[in-house]
């Protein structure tokens, strides 16, 4: 009488082959689709955390307020208006206001632009390289005082 060979080792082989194939596919997809968005100099930023907290408290004590308005125009263009007020709700007209634009989903397209004071507001026409989500960071400087505020917009 001849002994039948068991099929169990073949099932183990097929099981692990499928696991290996799926893992290989996931590695391939992750390498192909990773855009490389990371925090630059994260260690240094972590060490500077106390300075960030102190700057935040100083900004809060300053009491300034920003009103940001963005209007989409055609073909990835837009108009940015910023109104800047002190803690007594008086307009600040002599500050240096800059807007930084960062794309949260893709690196390499970030830029900054200075806003001009026109008719009681800080204004700029912006031409974006790509449509989609953008983080606007408005930075207002007047003498030793500095104020920052961020907002996210979708550029069309």
N, C-alpha and C. Protein backbone atom coordinates (compact mmCIF):
# COMPACT_ATOMS: atom_id res chain seq x y z
N UNK A 1 0.82 -1.15 0.00
CA UNK A 1 0.00 0.00 0.00
C UNK A 1 0.89 1.25 0.00
N UNK A 2 0.55 2.20 -0.85
CA UNK A 2 1.37 3.41 -0.94
C UNK A 2 0.75 4.52 -0.11
N UNK A 3 1.60 5.28 0.49
CA UNK A 3 1.13 6.38 1.35
C UNK A 3 0.82 7.61 0.49
N UNK A 4 -0.29 8.26 0.77
CA UNK A 4 -0.65 9.48 0.06
C UNK A 4 0.16 10.65 0.63
N UNK A 5 0.60 11.51 -0.28
CA UNK A 5 1.33 12.69 0.17
C UNK A 5 0.34 13.74 0.65
N UNK A 6 0.69 14.36 1.73
CA UNK A 6 -0.17 15.39 2.30
C UNK A 6 -0.06 16.69 1.50
N UNK A 7 -1.17 17.40 1.37
CA UNK A 7 -1.19 18.67 0.65
C UNK A 7 -0.98 19.86 1.60
N UNK A 8 -0.86 19.61 2.85
CA UNK A 8 -0.72 20.69 3.83
C UNK A 8 0.52 21.54 3.58
N UNK A 9 1.69 21.00 3.28
CA UNK A 9 2.85 21.87 3.00
C UNK A 9 2.61 22.81 1.82
N UNK A 10 1.86 22.36 0.82
CA UNK A 10 1.57 23.22 -0.32
C UNK A 10 0.68 24.39 0.09
N UNK A 11 -0.28 24.14 0.97
CA UNK A 11 -1.14 25.21 1.46
C UNK A 11 -0.32 26.27 2.22
N UNK A 12 0.63 25.80 3.05
CA UNK A 12 1.50 26.75 3.75
C UNK A 12 2.31 27.58 2.75
N UNK A 13 2.84 26.95 1.73
CA UNK A 13 3.64 27.63 0.72
C UNK A 13 2.78 28.69 0.00
N UNK A 14 1.58 28.33 -0.42
CA UNK A 14 0.69 29.26 -1.12
C UNK A 14 0.29 30.41 -0.19
N UNK A 15 -0.02 30.10 1.06
CA UNK A 15 -0.40 31.13 2.02
C UNK A 15 0.70 32.18 2.16
N UNK A 16 1.94 31.75 2.39
CA UNK A 16 3.04 32.69 2.58
C UNK A 16 3.42 33.38 1.27
N UNK A 17 3.23 32.73 0.15
CA UNK A 17 3.50 33.38 -1.14
C UNK A 17 2.52 34.53 -1.37
N UNK A 18 1.26 34.33 -1.01
CA UNK A 18 0.26 35.40 -1.16
C UNK A 18 0.60 36.56 -0.22
N UNK A 19 0.97 36.27 1.01
CA UNK A 19 1.35 37.32 1.96
C UNK A 19 2.54 38.12 1.42
N UNK A 20 3.55 37.43 0.91
CA UNK A 20 4.73 38.09 0.36
C UNK A 20 4.36 38.96 -0.84
N UNK A 21 3.50 38.47 -1.72
CA UNK A 21 3.11 39.23 -2.91
C UNK A 21 2.34 40.50 -2.52
N UNK A 22 1.43 40.40 -1.57
CA UNK A 22 0.66 41.57 -1.13
C UNK A 22 1.59 42.59 -0.47
N UNK A 23 2.50 42.15 0.38
CA UNK A 23 3.46 43.06 1.01
C UNK A 23 4.34 43.75 -0.03
N UNK A 24 4.80 43.01 -1.01
CA UNK A 24 5.63 43.60 -2.07
C UNK A 24 4.85 44.66 -2.84
N UNK A 25 3.59 44.38 -3.10
CA UNK A 25 2.74 45.35 -3.81
C UNK A 25 2.57 46.63 -2.97
N UNK A 26 2.34 46.50 -1.67
CA UNK A 26 2.19 47.68 -0.80
C UNK A 26 3.48 48.50 -0.75
N UNK A 27 4.63 47.86 -0.70
CA UNK A 27 5.90 48.58 -0.71
C UNK A 27 6.06 49.34 -2.02
N UNK A 28 5.74 48.71 -3.13
CA UNK A 28 5.84 49.35 -4.44
C UNK A 28 4.93 50.58 -4.50
N UNK A 29 3.68 50.45 -4.08
CA UNK A 29 2.73 51.56 -4.12
C UNK A 29 3.18 52.69 -3.20
N UNK A 30 3.66 52.36 -2.02
CA UNK A 30 4.07 53.41 -1.08
C UNK A 30 5.28 54.18 -1.61
N UNK A 31 6.21 53.53 -2.25
CA UNK A 31 7.37 54.23 -2.80
C UNK A 31 6.99 55.07 -4.01
N UNK A 32 6.04 54.60 -4.79
CA UNK A 32 5.65 55.31 -6.00
C UNK A 32 4.80 56.55 -5.69
N UNK A 33 3.98 56.51 -4.65
CA UNK A 33 3.05 57.60 -4.39
C UNK A 33 3.49 58.56 -3.29
N UNK A 34 4.59 58.32 -2.60
CA UNK A 34 5.03 59.20 -1.52
C UNK A 34 5.53 60.51 -2.11
N UNK A 35 4.98 61.62 -1.66
CA UNK A 35 5.33 62.93 -2.20
C UNK A 35 6.49 63.57 -1.47
N UNK A 36 6.92 63.00 -0.38
CA UNK A 36 8.08 63.53 0.32
C UNK A 36 7.79 64.67 1.25
N UNK A 37 6.55 64.86 1.65
CA UNK A 37 6.21 65.95 2.55
C UNK A 37 6.60 65.56 3.97
N UNK A 38 7.59 66.24 4.49
CA UNK A 38 8.04 66.00 5.86
C UNK A 38 8.30 67.35 6.52
N UNK A 39 8.49 67.35 7.79
CA UNK A 39 8.83 68.58 8.50
C UNK A 39 10.33 68.79 8.40
N UNK A 40 10.70 69.89 7.82
CA UNK A 40 12.12 70.21 7.71
C UNK A 40 12.68 70.55 9.08
N UNK A 41 13.81 70.03 9.40
CA UNK A 41 14.54 70.35 10.63
C UNK A 41 13.67 70.14 11.88
N UNK A 42 13.01 68.99 11.95
CA UNK A 42 12.06 68.72 13.04
C UNK A 42 12.74 68.69 14.41
N UNK A 43 13.95 68.20 14.50
CA UNK A 43 14.64 68.14 15.78
C UNK A 43 14.86 69.55 16.34
N UNK A 44 15.34 70.46 15.50
CA UNK A 44 15.59 71.84 15.92
C UNK A 44 14.28 72.53 16.31
N UNK A 45 13.22 72.27 15.55
CA UNK A 45 11.92 72.87 15.88
C UNK A 45 11.42 72.37 17.22
N UNK A 46 11.69 71.13 17.54
CA UNK A 46 11.29 70.59 18.83
C UNK A 46 12.04 71.25 19.97
N UNK A 47 13.32 71.52 19.76
CA UNK A 47 14.12 72.18 20.79
C UNK A 47 13.69 73.64 20.99
N UNK A 48 13.19 74.27 19.95
CA UNK A 48 12.78 75.67 20.01
C UNK A 48 11.33 75.84 20.47
N UNK A 49 10.73 74.80 20.98
CA UNK A 49 9.31 74.84 21.35
C UNK A 49 9.01 75.91 22.39
N UNK A 50 9.90 76.08 23.37
CA UNK A 50 9.67 77.09 24.41
C UNK A 50 9.62 78.50 23.82
N UNK A 51 10.44 78.76 22.81
CA UNK A 51 10.41 80.06 22.14
C UNK A 51 9.09 80.26 21.41
N UNK A 52 8.56 79.21 20.82
CA UNK A 52 7.28 79.29 20.12
C UNK A 52 6.17 79.62 21.12
N UNK A 53 6.19 78.98 22.28
CA UNK A 53 5.18 79.27 23.31
C UNK A 53 5.31 80.71 23.79
N UNK A 54 6.53 81.20 23.99
CA UNK A 54 6.74 82.58 24.44
C UNK A 54 6.27 83.57 23.37
N UNK A 55 6.54 83.29 22.10
CA UNK A 55 6.07 84.16 21.02
C UNK A 55 4.55 84.17 20.95
N UNK A 56 3.93 83.03 21.21
CA UNK A 56 2.47 82.95 21.19
C UNK A 56 1.87 83.81 22.31
N UNK A 57 2.47 83.75 23.50
CA UNK A 57 1.99 84.58 24.62
C UNK A 57 2.18 86.06 24.32
N UNK A 58 3.30 86.41 23.72
CA UNK A 58 3.57 87.81 23.38
C UNK A 58 2.55 88.30 22.36
N UNK A 59 2.23 87.46 21.38
CA UNK A 59 1.24 87.83 20.37
C UNK A 59 -0.14 88.01 21.01
N UNK A 60 -0.48 87.15 21.95
CA UNK A 60 -1.78 87.25 22.64
C UNK A 60 -1.85 88.55 23.45
N UNK A 61 -0.76 88.92 24.12
CA UNK A 61 -0.73 90.16 24.90
C UNK A 61 -0.80 91.39 24.00
N UNK A 62 -0.29 91.27 22.79
CA UNK A 62 -0.31 92.37 21.83
C UNK A 62 -1.75 92.75 21.49
N UNK A 63 -2.63 91.76 21.36
CA UNK A 63 -4.05 92.01 21.16
C UNK A 63 -4.45 92.39 19.75
N UNK A 64 -3.56 92.22 18.79
CA UNK A 64 -3.90 92.56 17.41
C UNK A 64 -4.91 91.56 16.86
N UNK A 65 -5.60 91.99 15.81
CA UNK A 65 -6.59 91.15 15.16
C UNK A 65 -6.47 91.32 13.65
N UNK A 66 -6.52 90.21 12.94
CA UNK A 66 -6.47 90.22 11.48
C UNK A 66 -7.80 89.75 10.92
N UNK A 67 -8.25 90.40 9.87
CA UNK A 67 -9.40 89.91 9.11
C UNK A 67 -8.89 89.61 7.71
N UNK A 68 -8.99 88.35 7.33
CA UNK A 68 -8.46 87.90 6.05
C UNK A 68 -9.62 87.61 5.11
N UNK A 69 -9.48 88.10 3.88
CA UNK A 69 -10.49 87.83 2.86
C UNK A 69 -9.78 87.45 1.57
N UNK A 70 -10.14 86.27 1.03
CA UNK A 70 -9.56 85.83 -0.24
C UNK A 70 -10.67 85.62 -1.24
N UNK A 71 -10.48 86.14 -2.45
CA UNK A 71 -11.47 86.01 -3.52
C UNK A 71 -10.83 85.28 -4.69
N UNK A 72 -11.41 84.14 -5.07
CA UNK A 72 -10.92 83.40 -6.23
C UNK A 72 -11.29 84.13 -7.51
N UNK A 73 -10.31 84.28 -8.38
CA UNK A 73 -10.56 84.78 -9.72
C UNK A 73 -10.40 83.58 -10.67
N UNK A 74 -10.18 83.80 -11.93
CA UNK A 74 -10.04 82.69 -12.87
C UNK A 74 -8.59 82.23 -12.98
N UNK A 75 -8.41 80.99 -13.40
CA UNK A 75 -7.09 80.43 -13.74
C UNK A 75 -6.05 80.52 -12.62
N UNK A 76 -6.40 80.05 -11.43
CA UNK A 76 -5.49 79.98 -10.29
C UNK A 76 -4.99 81.34 -9.82
N UNK A 77 -5.81 82.36 -10.02
CA UNK A 77 -5.49 83.71 -9.56
C UNK A 77 -6.49 84.12 -8.49
N UNK A 78 -6.08 85.06 -7.65
CA UNK A 78 -6.98 85.52 -6.61
C UNK A 78 -6.54 86.86 -6.04
N UNK A 79 -7.41 87.42 -5.23
CA UNK A 79 -7.13 88.68 -4.55
C UNK A 79 -7.21 88.46 -3.05
N UNK A 80 -6.18 88.90 -2.36
CA UNK A 80 -6.10 88.76 -0.91
C UNK A 80 -6.19 90.14 -0.27
N UNK A 81 -7.12 90.29 0.67
CA UNK A 81 -7.26 91.52 1.44
C UNK A 81 -7.12 91.20 2.92
N UNK A 82 -6.34 92.00 3.60
CA UNK A 82 -6.13 91.81 5.03
C UNK A 82 -6.36 93.14 5.73
N UNK A 83 -7.18 93.13 6.77
CA UNK A 83 -7.37 94.30 7.63
C UNK A 83 -6.71 93.99 8.96
N UNK A 84 -5.95 94.94 9.47
CA UNK A 84 -5.17 94.73 10.69
C UNK A 84 -5.61 95.76 11.73
N UNK A 85 -5.95 95.27 12.93
CA UNK A 85 -6.45 96.13 14.00
C UNK A 85 -5.62 95.90 15.27
N UNK A 86 -5.47 96.98 16.07
CA UNK A 86 -4.79 96.84 17.35
C UNK A 86 -5.80 96.40 18.42
N UNK A 87 -5.37 96.33 19.68
CA UNK A 87 -6.26 95.82 20.72
C UNK A 87 -7.41 96.78 21.04
N UNK A 88 -7.32 98.06 20.61
CA UNK A 88 -8.41 99.02 20.77
C UNK A 88 -9.30 99.08 19.53
N UNK A 89 -9.10 98.15 18.62
CA UNK A 89 -9.86 98.02 17.38
C UNK A 89 -9.63 99.20 16.42
N UNK A 90 -8.44 99.82 16.53
CA UNK A 90 -8.04 100.87 15.58
C UNK A 90 -7.24 100.22 14.46
N UNK A 91 -7.41 100.71 13.23
CA UNK A 91 -6.67 100.15 12.10
C UNK A 91 -5.19 100.46 12.22
N UNK A 92 -4.40 99.47 11.91
CA UNK A 92 -2.94 99.66 11.86
C UNK A 92 -2.60 99.84 10.38
N UNK A 93 -2.03 101.00 10.06
CA UNK A 93 -1.80 101.34 8.65
C UNK A 93 -0.34 101.34 8.25
N UNK A 94 0.56 101.22 9.18
CA UNK A 94 1.99 101.35 8.86
C UNK A 94 2.79 100.08 9.17
N UNK A 95 2.18 98.93 9.00
CA UNK A 95 2.87 97.66 9.25
C UNK A 95 3.40 97.09 7.94
N UNK A 96 4.35 96.21 8.05
CA UNK A 96 4.83 95.44 6.91
C UNK A 96 4.10 94.10 6.95
N UNK A 97 3.26 93.84 5.96
CA UNK A 97 2.44 92.64 5.94
C UNK A 97 2.88 91.75 4.78
N UNK A 98 3.20 90.51 5.12
CA UNK A 98 3.64 89.52 4.13
C UNK A 98 2.76 88.29 4.25
N UNK A 99 2.47 87.68 3.11
CA UNK A 99 1.70 86.44 3.10
C UNK A 99 2.59 85.32 2.57
N UNK A 100 2.63 84.22 3.31
CA UNK A 100 3.34 83.02 2.86
C UNK A 100 2.31 81.99 2.46
N UNK A 101 2.54 81.36 1.34
CA UNK A 101 1.59 80.39 0.81
C UNK A 101 2.27 79.03 0.74
N UNK A 102 1.68 78.05 1.42
CA UNK A 102 2.25 76.70 1.46
C UNK A 102 1.19 75.71 1.01
N UNK A 103 1.61 74.78 0.18
CA UNK A 103 0.71 73.73 -0.30
C UNK A 103 0.88 72.53 0.63
N UNK A 104 -0.15 72.18 1.41
CA UNK A 104 0.00 71.12 2.41
C UNK A 104 0.12 69.72 1.82
N UNK A 105 -0.26 69.54 0.56
CA UNK A 105 -0.25 68.20 -0.01
C UNK A 105 0.93 67.92 -0.92
N UNK A 106 1.73 68.95 -1.23
CA UNK A 106 2.83 68.74 -2.17
C UNK A 106 3.89 69.81 -1.94
N UNK A 107 5.13 69.38 -1.85
CA UNK A 107 6.20 70.34 -1.59
C UNK A 107 6.73 70.91 -2.91
N UNK A 108 7.47 71.98 -2.79
CA UNK A 108 8.15 72.55 -3.94
C UNK A 108 7.43 73.71 -4.61
N UNK A 109 6.27 74.12 -4.10
CA UNK A 109 5.52 75.20 -4.73
C UNK A 109 5.26 76.36 -3.78
N UNK A 110 5.88 76.37 -2.61
CA UNK A 110 5.65 77.41 -1.60
C UNK A 110 6.26 78.73 -2.07
N UNK A 111 5.61 79.83 -1.69
CA UNK A 111 6.13 81.16 -2.03
C UNK A 111 5.56 82.19 -1.07
N UNK A 112 6.13 83.39 -1.10
CA UNK A 112 5.68 84.50 -0.25
C UNK A 112 5.45 85.73 -1.12
N UNK A 113 4.62 86.63 -0.60
CA UNK A 113 4.37 87.88 -1.32
C UNK A 113 4.03 88.97 -0.32
N UNK A 114 4.58 90.14 -0.55
CA UNK A 114 4.31 91.29 0.31
C UNK A 114 3.00 91.94 -0.11
N UNK A 115 2.21 92.38 0.87
CA UNK A 115 0.94 93.04 0.60
C UNK A 115 1.14 94.55 0.66
N UNK A 116 0.42 95.27 -0.21
CA UNK A 116 0.52 96.73 -0.26
C UNK A 116 -0.69 97.34 0.43
N UNK A 117 -0.47 98.48 1.09
CA UNK A 117 -1.56 99.17 1.79
C UNK A 117 -2.29 100.05 0.79
N UNK A 118 -3.57 99.70 0.52
CA UNK A 118 -4.40 100.43 -0.43
C UNK A 118 -5.79 100.60 0.17
N UNK A 119 -6.27 101.83 0.24
CA UNK A 119 -7.64 102.12 0.70
C UNK A 119 -7.97 101.49 2.04
N UNK A 120 -7.08 101.60 3.00
CA UNK A 120 -7.35 101.12 4.35
C UNK A 120 -7.16 99.64 4.57
N UNK A 121 -6.69 98.90 3.55
CA UNK A 121 -6.47 97.46 3.68
C UNK A 121 -5.15 97.09 3.02
N UNK A 122 -4.62 95.98 3.45
CA UNK A 122 -3.43 95.42 2.82
C UNK A 122 -3.92 94.48 1.72
N UNK A 123 -3.34 94.63 0.53
CA UNK A 123 -3.90 93.97 -0.65
C UNK A 123 -2.80 93.37 -1.52
N UNK A 124 -3.13 92.25 -2.18
CA UNK A 124 -2.22 91.65 -3.16
C UNK A 124 -3.01 90.80 -4.14
N UNK A 125 -2.60 90.84 -5.39
CA UNK A 125 -3.11 89.90 -6.39
C UNK A 125 -2.12 88.74 -6.42
N UNK A 126 -2.66 87.53 -6.31
CA UNK A 126 -1.82 86.34 -6.18
C UNK A 126 -2.01 85.44 -7.40
N UNK A 127 -0.90 84.96 -7.94
CA UNK A 127 -0.92 83.97 -9.01
C UNK A 127 -0.33 82.67 -8.45
N UNK A 128 -1.17 81.64 -8.33
CA UNK A 128 -0.75 80.36 -7.77
C UNK A 128 -0.26 79.44 -8.88
N UNK A 129 0.77 78.63 -8.60
CA UNK A 129 1.25 77.68 -9.61
C UNK A 129 0.30 76.50 -9.83
N UNK A 130 -0.48 76.15 -8.79
CA UNK A 130 -1.40 75.01 -8.88
C UNK A 130 -2.71 75.34 -8.19
N UNK A 131 -3.78 74.75 -8.66
CA UNK A 131 -5.07 74.86 -7.98
C UNK A 131 -5.09 73.86 -6.83
N UNK A 132 -6.01 74.07 -5.89
CA UNK A 132 -6.15 73.14 -4.77
C UNK A 132 -6.00 73.84 -3.44
N UNK A 133 -5.76 73.06 -2.39
CA UNK A 133 -5.66 73.61 -1.03
C UNK A 133 -4.32 74.32 -0.83
N UNK A 134 -4.40 75.47 -0.17
CA UNK A 134 -3.21 76.25 0.19
C UNK A 134 -3.40 76.79 1.60
N UNK A 135 -2.31 76.78 2.37
CA UNK A 135 -2.29 77.41 3.68
C UNK A 135 -1.73 78.82 3.53
N UNK A 136 -2.51 79.81 3.96
CA UNK A 136 -2.10 81.20 3.92
C UNK A 136 -1.62 81.55 5.32
N UNK A 137 -0.40 82.05 5.44
CA UNK A 137 0.08 82.55 6.73
C UNK A 137 0.39 84.02 6.55
N UNK A 138 -0.37 84.84 7.27
CA UNK A 138 -0.19 86.28 7.19
C UNK A 138 0.70 86.71 8.35
N UNK A 139 1.75 87.45 8.04
CA UNK A 139 2.72 87.92 9.03
C UNK A 139 2.76 89.45 8.98
N UNK A 140 2.39 90.08 10.09
CA UNK A 140 2.39 91.54 10.18
C UNK A 140 3.46 91.97 11.17
N UNK A 141 4.34 92.86 10.72
CA UNK A 141 5.42 93.38 11.57
C UNK A 141 5.32 94.90 11.64
N UNK A 142 5.43 95.39 12.87
CA UNK A 142 5.47 96.85 13.09
C UNK A 142 6.45 97.09 14.22
N UNK A 143 7.59 97.63 13.87
CA UNK A 143 8.64 97.84 14.86
C UNK A 143 9.08 96.50 15.44
N UNK A 144 9.01 96.39 16.76
CA UNK A 144 9.38 95.15 17.46
C UNK A 144 8.24 94.15 17.52
N UNK A 145 7.03 94.61 17.20
CA UNK A 145 5.85 93.76 17.32
C UNK A 145 5.64 92.92 16.06
N UNK A 146 5.18 91.70 16.29
CA UNK A 146 4.93 90.78 15.18
C UNK A 146 3.67 89.99 15.48
N UNK A 147 2.87 89.75 14.44
CA UNK A 147 1.61 89.01 14.58
C UNK A 147 1.48 88.06 13.41
N UNK A 148 1.03 86.83 13.70
CA UNK A 148 0.83 85.81 12.67
C UNK A 148 -0.55 85.20 12.79
N UNK A 149 -1.10 84.90 11.63
CA UNK A 149 -2.37 84.18 11.60
C UNK A 149 -2.41 83.34 10.32
N UNK A 150 -2.94 82.12 10.45
CA UNK A 150 -3.01 81.21 9.31
C UNK A 150 -4.45 80.85 8.99
N UNK A 151 -4.68 80.57 7.72
CA UNK A 151 -5.99 80.14 7.28
C UNK A 151 -5.81 79.31 6.01
N UNK A 152 -6.68 78.34 5.82
CA UNK A 152 -6.59 77.47 4.65
C UNK A 152 -7.70 77.84 3.65
N UNK A 153 -7.30 77.94 2.38
CA UNK A 153 -8.24 78.24 1.30
C UNK A 153 -8.06 77.23 0.17
N UNK A 154 -9.11 77.10 -0.63
CA UNK A 154 -9.05 76.29 -1.84
C UNK A 154 -8.97 77.24 -3.02
N UNK A 155 -7.88 77.13 -3.77
CA UNK A 155 -7.65 77.98 -4.93
C UNK A 155 -8.20 77.26 -6.16
N UNK A 156 -8.97 77.98 -6.96
CA UNK A 156 -9.57 77.38 -8.15
C UNK A 156 -8.95 77.92 -9.41
